[in-house]
Protein backbone atom coordinates (compact mmCIF):
# COMPACT_ATOMS: atom_id res chain seq x y z
CA MET A 1 0.00 0.00 0.00
CA VAL A 2 1.36 3.39 -1.01
CA VAL A 3 0.23 6.83 0.14
CA VAL A 4 1.28 9.99 -1.67
CA ALA A 5 0.48 13.37 -0.13
CA GLY A 6 1.07 16.81 -1.59
CA LEU A 7 1.57 19.61 0.92
CA LYS A 8 1.66 23.35 0.27
CA VAL A 9 3.08 25.53 3.03
CA LYS A 10 2.49 29.16 3.84
CA PRO A 11 5.33 31.47 2.72
CA GLY A 12 8.14 31.58 5.28
CA LYS A 13 7.03 28.35 7.02
CA GLU A 14 9.09 25.93 4.92
CA LYS A 15 11.80 25.28 7.52
CA GLU A 16 9.26 24.68 10.29
CA LEU A 17 7.54 22.06 8.14
CA GLU A 18 10.84 20.42 7.24
CA ASP A 19 11.88 20.27 10.91
CA ALA A 20 8.54 18.73 11.94
CA MET A 21 8.81 16.11 9.21
CA ARG A 22 12.40 15.22 10.15
CA GLU A 23 11.20 14.62 13.73
CA MET A 24 8.35 12.48 12.43
CA ILE A 25 10.62 10.35 10.26
CA ALA A 26 12.80 9.57 13.29
CA LYS A 27 9.70 8.31 15.13
CA VAL A 28 8.36 6.30 12.20
CA GLU A 29 11.62 4.32 11.92
CA SER A 30 10.42 2.07 14.75
CA GLU A 31 7.27 1.05 12.84
CA GLU A 32 7.77 -2.46 11.51
CA GLY A 33 5.07 -2.22 8.85
CA THR A 34 6.20 1.13 7.46
CA LEU A 35 8.52 0.18 4.60
CA THR A 36 9.25 3.63 3.13
CA TYR A 37 8.60 7.12 4.50
CA VAL A 38 10.19 9.85 2.39
CA PHE A 39 9.64 13.62 2.49
CA HIS A 40 10.45 15.64 -0.66
CA ARG A 41 10.66 19.36 -1.49
CA SER A 42 9.83 20.66 -4.97
CA GLN A 43 12.83 21.81 -7.01
CA HIS A 44 10.73 24.50 -8.66
CA ASN A 45 8.56 25.75 -5.79
CA PRO A 46 10.10 25.74 -2.29
CA GLY A 47 6.61 25.94 -0.74
CA GLU A 48 5.49 22.61 -2.20
CA PHE A 49 6.32 19.24 -0.67
CA LEU A 50 5.53 15.61 -1.38
CA MET A 51 5.29 12.76 1.10
CA TYR A 52 5.77 9.21 -0.20
CA GLU A 53 4.84 6.39 2.16
CA LYS A 54 4.82 2.63 1.61
CA TYR A 55 3.25 0.20 4.05
CA ARG A 56 3.32 -3.59 4.26
CA ASP A 57 -0.49 -3.63 4.31
CA LYS A 58 -3.58 -1.67 5.40
CA ALA A 59 -3.11 -2.79 9.02
CA ALA A 60 0.36 -1.19 9.07
CA PHE A 61 -1.08 2.05 7.68
CA ASP A 62 -3.89 1.97 10.26
CA HIS A 63 -1.32 1.48 13.01
CA HIS A 64 0.71 4.44 11.73
CA ILE A 65 -2.23 6.86 11.69
CA SER A 66 -3.32 5.75 15.17
CA THR A 67 -0.02 6.65 16.86
CA PRO A 68 0.15 9.64 19.22
CA TYR A 69 3.03 11.14 17.23
CA PHE A 70 0.97 11.07 14.01
CA LYS A 71 -1.79 13.05 15.72
CA GLU A 72 0.81 15.38 17.24
CA LEU A 73 2.31 16.01 13.79
CA PHE A 74 -0.92 17.42 12.41
CA GLY A 75 -1.22 19.70 15.42
CA LYS A 76 2.23 21.08 14.53
CA ILE A 77 1.95 21.32 10.77
CA GLY A 78 -1.72 22.26 10.41
CA PRO A 79 -1.10 25.98 11.03
CA LEU A 80 1.85 25.92 8.59
CA LEU A 81 -0.13 24.58 5.64
CA ALA A 82 -1.78 26.69 2.94
CA GLY A 83 -4.72 24.31 2.57
CA ALA A 84 -5.50 20.67 3.18
CA PRO A 85 -2.98 18.04 2.03
CA GLU A 86 -3.86 16.34 -1.25
CA MET A 87 -3.70 12.62 -0.56
CA GLU A 88 -3.95 9.57 -2.82
CA MET A 89 -3.65 5.87 -1.98
CA TYR A 90 -2.21 3.36 -4.42
CA GLU A 91 -1.49 -0.34 -4.64
CA GLU A 92 1.72 -1.53 -6.23
CA VAL A 93 1.35 -3.14 -9.65
CA ALA A 94 5.00 -3.53 -10.74
CA ALA A 95 8.37 -2.40 -9.43
CA LYS A 96 12.14 -2.52 -9.81
CA LYS A 97 13.58 -3.80 -6.55
């Protein structure tokens, strides 16, 4: 299971978002079912970010979003965002491993 989220941040709040996501990634490392958790910044627009997440299965994703640190993250980043995150869920069809 893959989750892709697009985030747009208010001008001047880029570093705060990056710092919050770095903290989150350190916490997510202990999640067994979270296979990939990568935060990206646009090369063309410094206020746009992309989150790429890959989970072993739906149960692993459900565990991730139920953690206290996930809920804490949205308390931190909510005021930094210029709108709601755009989120899509995918299932893997083919891959180079």
